[in-house]
Amino acid sequence: MDQLDISRHTIDRHLAFLEGANLINSKGNVYYITNEGKEQITMGKEERKTESTDS
């Protein structure tokens, strides 16, 4: 079943979307996923983008 073949990276991205959170992967890249589902990638930096989100 293709639906069960989900990588941990994909799961982390979905969790980050649901939480409106920053996600730093194993390479140190920062993924910020906004409520609109758009992804901003900052490569090799420790800065975090923060936005107020309603939970």
PDB file of N, CA and C in Angstrom:
ATOM      1  N   MET A   1       0.837  -1.207   0.000  1.00  0.00           N
ATOM      2  CA  MET A   1       0.000   0.000   0.000  1.00  0.00           C
ATOM      3  C   MET A   1       0.872   1.258   0.000  1.00  0.00           C
ATOM      4  N   ASP A   2       0.654   2.094  -0.963  1.00  0.00           N
ATOM      5  CA  ASP A   2       1.439   3.320  -1.071  1.00  0.00           C
ATOM      6  C   ASP A   2       1.180   4.261   0.102  1.00  0.00           C
ATOM      7  N   GLN A   3      -0.032   4.237   0.637  1.00  0.00           N
ATOM      8  CA  GLN A   3      -0.382   5.154   1.713  1.00  0.00           C
ATOM      9  C   GLN A   3       0.415   4.889   2.988  1.00  0.00           C
ATOM     10  N   LEU A   4       0.885   3.655   3.145  1.00  0.00           N
ATOM     11  CA  LEU A   4       1.652   3.327   4.340  1.00  0.00           C
ATOM     12  C   LEU A   4       3.141   3.627   4.175  1.00  0.00           C
ATOM     13  N   ASP A   5       3.565   3.906   2.940  1.00  0.00           N
ATOM     14  CA  ASP A   5       4.973   4.157   2.667  1.00  0.00           C
ATOM     15  C   ASP A   5       5.262   5.643   2.862  1.00  0.00           C
ATOM     16  N   ILE A   6       5.308   6.077   4.108  1.00  0.00           N
ATOM     17  CA  ILE A   6       5.496   7.492   4.436  1.00  0.00           C
ATOM     18  C   ILE A   6       6.807   7.647   5.194  1.00  0.00           C
ATOM     19  N   SER A   7       7.621   8.573   4.742  1.00  0.00           N
ATOM     20  CA  SER A   7       8.899   8.786   5.414  1.00  0.00           C
ATOM     21  C   SER A   7       8.703   9.580   6.698  1.00  0.00           C
ATOM     22  N   ARG A   8       9.678   9.441   7.593  1.00  0.00           N
ATOM     23  CA  ARG A   8       9.640  10.210   8.843  1.00  0.00           C
ATOM     24  C   ARG A   8       9.685  11.706   8.549  1.00  0.00           C
ATOM     25  N   HIS A   9      10.412  12.096   7.505  1.00  0.00           N
ATOM     26  CA  HIS A   9      10.497  13.506   7.120  1.00  0.00           C
ATOM     27  C   HIS A   9       9.118  14.055   6.772  1.00  0.00           C
ATOM     28  N   THR A  10       8.338  13.264   6.025  1.00  0.00           N
ATOM     29  CA  THR A  10       6.991  13.679   5.646  1.00  0.00           C
ATOM     30  C   THR A  10       6.108  13.834   6.875  1.00  0.00           C
ATOM     31  N   ILE A  11       6.223  12.881   7.807  1.00  0.00           N
ATOM     32  CA  ILE A  11       5.436  12.952   9.037  1.00  0.00           C
ATOM     33  C   ILE A  11       5.802  14.201   9.830  1.00  0.00           C
ATOM     34  N   ASP A  12       7.102  14.483   9.964  1.00  0.00           N
ATOM     35  CA  ASP A  12       7.544  15.669  10.690  1.00  0.00           C
ATOM     36  C   ASP A  12       7.017  16.936  10.044  1.00  0.00           C
ATOM     37  N   ARG A  13       7.004  16.980   8.719  1.00  0.00           N
ATOM     38  CA  ARG A  13       6.500  18.154   8.015  1.00  0.00           C
ATOM     39  C   ARG A  13       5.023  18.363   8.286  1.00  0.00           C
ATOM     40  N   HIS A  14       4.254  17.294   8.296  1.00  0.00           N
ATOM     41  CA  HIS A  14       2.828  17.406   8.577  1.00  0.00           C
ATOM     42  C   HIS A  14       2.593  17.840  10.020  1.00  0.00           C
ATOM     43  N   LEU A  15       3.368  17.302  10.949  1.00  0.00           N
ATOM     44  CA  LEU A  15       3.241  17.714  12.342  1.00  0.00           C
ATOM     45  C   LEU A  15       3.564  19.196  12.496  1.00  0.00           C
ATOM     46  N   ALA A  16       4.606  19.647  11.806  1.00  0.00           N
ATOM     47  CA  ALA A  16       4.988  21.048  11.886  1.00  0.00           C
ATOM     48  C   ALA A  16       3.880  21.929  11.320  1.00  0.00           C
ATOM     49  N   PHE A  17       3.250  21.478  10.258  1.00  0.00           N
ATOM     50  CA  PHE A  17       2.133  22.233   9.683  1.00  0.00           C
ATOM     51  C   PHE A  17       0.979  22.331  10.670  1.00  0.00           C
ATOM     52  N   LEU A  18       0.657  21.213  11.297  1.00  0.00           N
ATOM     53  CA  LEU A  18      -0.456  21.195  12.239  1.00  0.00           C
ATOM     54  C   LEU A  18      -0.171  22.071  13.449  1.00  0.00           C
ATOM     55  N   GLU A  19       1.078  22.112  13.870  1.00  0.00           N
ATOM     56  CA  GLU A  19       1.441  22.869  15.056  1.00  0.00           C
ATOM     57  C   GLU A  19       1.822  24.304  14.713  1.00  0.00           C
ATOM     58  N   GLY A  20       1.955  24.630  13.416  1.00  0.00           N
ATOM     59  CA  GLY A  20       2.434  25.938  13.014  1.00  0.00           C
ATOM     60  C   GLY A  20       3.836  26.186  13.542  1.00  0.00           C
ATOM     61  N   ALA A  21       4.658  25.137  13.500  1.00  0.00           N
ATOM     62  CA  ALA A  21       5.924  25.165  14.221  1.00  0.00           C
ATOM     63  C   ALA A  21       7.109  25.193  13.273  1.00  0.00           C
ATOM     64  N   ASN A  22       8.265  25.516  13.848  1.00  0.00           N
ATOM     65  CA  ASN A  22       9.521  25.392  13.129  1.00  0.00           C
ATOM     66  C   ASN A  22       9.971  23.948  13.185  1.00  0.00           C
ATOM     67  N   LEU A  23      10.624  23.516  12.115  1.00  0.00           N
ATOM     68  CA  LEU A  23      11.149  22.160  12.061  1.00  0.00           C
ATOM     69  C   LEU A  23      12.589  22.232  11.592  1.00  0.00           C
ATOM     70  N   ILE A  24      13.485  21.686  12.388  1.00  0.00           N
ATOM     71  CA  ILE A  24      14.885  21.646  11.994  1.00  0.00           C
ATOM     72  C   ILE A  24      15.238  20.195  11.713  1.00  0.00           C
ATOM     73  N   ASN A  25      15.645  19.909  10.475  1.00  0.00           N
ATOM     74  CA  ASN A  25      15.959  18.530  10.126  1.00  0.00           C
ATOM     75  C   ASN A  25      17.385  18.178  10.511  1.00  0.00           C
ATOM     76  N   SER A  26      17.790  16.973  10.190  1.00  0.00           N
ATOM     77  CA  SER A  26      19.083  16.466  10.638  1.00  0.00           C
ATOM     78  C   SER A  26      20.257  17.232  10.026  1.00  0.00           C
ATOM     79  N   LYS A  27      20.017  17.912   8.909  1.00  0.00           N
ATOM     80  CA  LYS A  27      21.080  18.680   8.271  1.00  0.00           C
ATOM     81  C   LYS A  27      21.149  20.107   8.809  1.00  0.00           C
ATOM     82  N   GLY A  28      20.265  20.455   9.724  1.00  0.00           N
ATOM     83  CA  GLY A  28      20.267  21.788  10.300  1.00  0.00           C
ATOM     84  C   GLY A  28      19.488  22.804   9.495  1.00  0.00           C
ATOM     85  N   ASN A  29      18.769  22.351   8.484  1.00  0.00           N
ATOM     86  CA  ASN A  29      17.953  23.270   7.704  1.00  0.00           C
ATOM     87  C   ASN A  29      16.665  23.583   8.460  1.00  0.00           C
ATOM     88  N   VAL A  30      16.244  24.832   8.403  1.00  0.00           N
ATOM     89  CA  VAL A  30      15.049  25.243   9.123  1.00  0.00           C
ATOM     90  C   VAL A  30      13.869  25.295   8.156  1.00  0.00           C
ATOM     91  N   TYR A  31      12.823  24.549   8.476  1.00  0.00           N
ATOM     92  CA  TYR A  31      11.608  24.576   7.687  1.00  0.00           C
ATOM     93  C   TYR A  31      10.538  25.267   8.519  1.00  0.00           C
ATOM     94  N   TYR A  32      10.033  26.404   8.041  1.00  0.00           N
ATOM     95  CA  TYR A  32       8.898  27.030   8.714  1.00  0.00           C
ATOM     96  C   TYR A  32       7.696  26.884   7.817  1.00  0.00           C
ATOM     97  N   ILE A  33       6.689  26.221   8.301  1.00  0.00           N
ATOM     98  CA  ILE A  33       5.500  25.973   7.503  1.00  0.00           C
ATOM     99  C   ILE A  33       4.364  26.824   8.064  1.00  0.00           C
ATOM    100  N   THR A  34       3.868  27.742   7.248  1.00  0.00           N
ATOM    101  CA  THR A  34       2.856  28.688   7.703  1.00  0.00           C
ATOM    102  C   THR A  34       1.476  28.054   7.664  1.00  0.00           C
ATOM    103  N   ASN A  35       0.495  28.759   8.202  1.00  0.00           N
ATOM    104  CA  ASN A  35      -0.872  28.268   8.189  1.00  0.00           C
ATOM    105  C   ASN A  35      -1.416  28.136   6.775  1.00  0.00           C
ATOM    106  N   GLU A  36      -0.824  28.869   5.830  1.00  0.00           N
ATOM    107  CA  GLU A  36      -1.254  28.784   4.440  1.00  0.00           C
ATOM    108  C   GLU A  36      -0.644  27.573   3.746  1.00  0.00           C
ATOM    109  N   GLY A  37       0.260  26.874   4.442  1.00  0.00           N
ATOM    110  CA  GLY A  37       0.867  25.688   3.871  1.00  0.00           C
ATOM    111  C   GLY A  37       2.080  25.988   3.006  1.00  0.00           C
ATOM    112  N   LYS A  38       2.533  27.244   3.029  1.00  0.00           N
ATOM    113  CA  LYS A  38       3.726  27.590   2.267  1.00  0.00           C
ATOM    114  C   LYS A  38       4.961  27.327   3.109  1.00  0.00           C
ATOM    115  N   GLU A  39       6.029  26.947   2.454  1.00  0.00           N
ATOM    116  CA  GLU A  39       7.230  26.545   3.162  1.00  0.00           C
ATOM    117  C   GLU A  39       8.370  27.515   2.867  1.00  0.00           C
ATOM    118  N   GLN A  40       8.978  28.022   3.917  1.00  0.00           N
ATOM    119  CA  GLN A  40      10.143  28.876   3.772  1.00  0.00           C
ATOM    120  C   GLN A  40      11.335  28.091   4.286  1.00  0.00           C
ATOM    121  N   ILE A  41      12.387  28.012   3.481  1.00  0.00           N
ATOM    122  CA  ILE A  41      13.545  27.203   3.856  1.00  0.00           C
ATOM    123  C   ILE A  41      14.755  28.110   4.064  1.00  0.00           C
ATOM    124  N   THR A  42      15.382  27.999   5.227  1.00  0.00           N
ATOM    125  CA  THR A  42      16.627  28.699   5.487  1.00  0.00           C
ATOM    126  C   THR A  42      17.699  27.643   5.673  1.00  0.00           C
ATOM    127  N   MET A  43      18.654  27.611   4.773  1.00  0.00           N
ATOM    128  CA  MET A  43      19.640  26.541   4.779  1.00  0.00           C
ATOM    129  C   MET A  43      20.817  26.900   5.684  1.00  0.00           C
ATOM    130  N   GLY A  44      21.145  25.989   6.601  1.00  0.00           N
ATOM    131  CA  GLY A  44      22.368  26.101   7.380  1.00  0.00           C
ATOM    132  C   GLY A  44      22.406  27.270   8.346  1.00  0.00           C
ATOM    133  N   LYS A  45      21.245  27.781   8.754  1.00  0.00           N
ATOM    134  CA  LYS A  45      21.225  28.878   9.717  1.00  0.00           C
ATOM    135  C   LYS A  45      20.413  28.457  10.930  1.00  0.00           C
ATOM    136  N   GLU A  46      20.741  29.032  12.068  1.00  0.00           N
ATOM    137  CA  GLU A  46      20.037  28.688  13.298  1.00  0.00           C
ATOM    138  C   GLU A  46      18.904  29.655  13.613  1.00  0.00           C
ATOM    139  N   GLU A  47      18.654  30.617  12.714  1.00  0.00           N
ATOM    140  CA  GLU A  47      17.590  31.578  12.986  1.00  0.00           C
ATOM    141  C   GLU A  47      16.227  30.914  12.835  1.00  0.00           C
ATOM    142  N   ARG A  48      15.292  31.366  13.636  1.00  0.00           N
ATOM    143  CA  ARG A  48      13.940  30.844  13.536  1.00  0.00           C
ATOM    144  C   ARG A  48      12.993  31.994  13.221  1.00  0.00           C
ATOM    145  N   LYS A  49      12.066  31.714  12.305  1.00  0.00           N
ATOM    146  CA  LYS A  49      11.034  32.699  11.994  1.00  0.00           C
ATOM    147  C   LYS A  49       9.831  32.393  12.889  1.00  0.00           C
ATOM    148  N   THR A  50       9.292  33.405  13.498  1.00  0.00           N
ATOM    149  CA  THR A  50       8.143  33.176  14.366  1.00  0.00           C
ATOM    150  C   THR A  50       6.974  34.029  13.893  1.00  0.00           C
ATOM    151  N   GLU A  51       5.796  33.454  13.964  1.00  0.00           N
ATOM    152  CA  GLU A  51       4.564  34.150  13.622  1.00  0.00           C
ATOM    153  C   GLU A  51       3.532  33.789  14.669  1.00  0.00           C
ATOM    154  N   SER A  52       2.680  34.723  14.989  1.00  0.00           N
ATOM    155  CA  SER A  52       1.624  34.408  15.936  1.00  0.00           C
ATOM    156  C   SER A  52       0.591  33.546  15.226  1.00  0.00           C
ATOM    157  N   THR A  53       0.243  32.438  15.859  1.00  0.00           N
ATOM    158  CA  THR A  53      -0.748  31.538  15.279  1.00  0.00           C
ATOM    159  C   THR A  53      -1.812  31.239  16.320  1.00  0.00           C
ATOM    160  N   ASP A  54      -3.026  31.082  15.834  1.00  0.00           N
ATOM    161  CA  ASP A  54      -4.120  30.719  16.727  1.00  0.00           C
ATOM    162  C   ASP A  54      -4.179  29.215  16.866  1.00  0.00           C
ATOM    163  N   SER A  55      -4.181  28.728  18.094  1.00  0.00           N
ATOM    164  CA  SER A  55      -4.246  27.284  18.313  1.00  0.00           C
ATOM    165  C   SER A  55      -5.649  26.890  18.724  1.00  0.00           C
TER     166      SER A  55
END
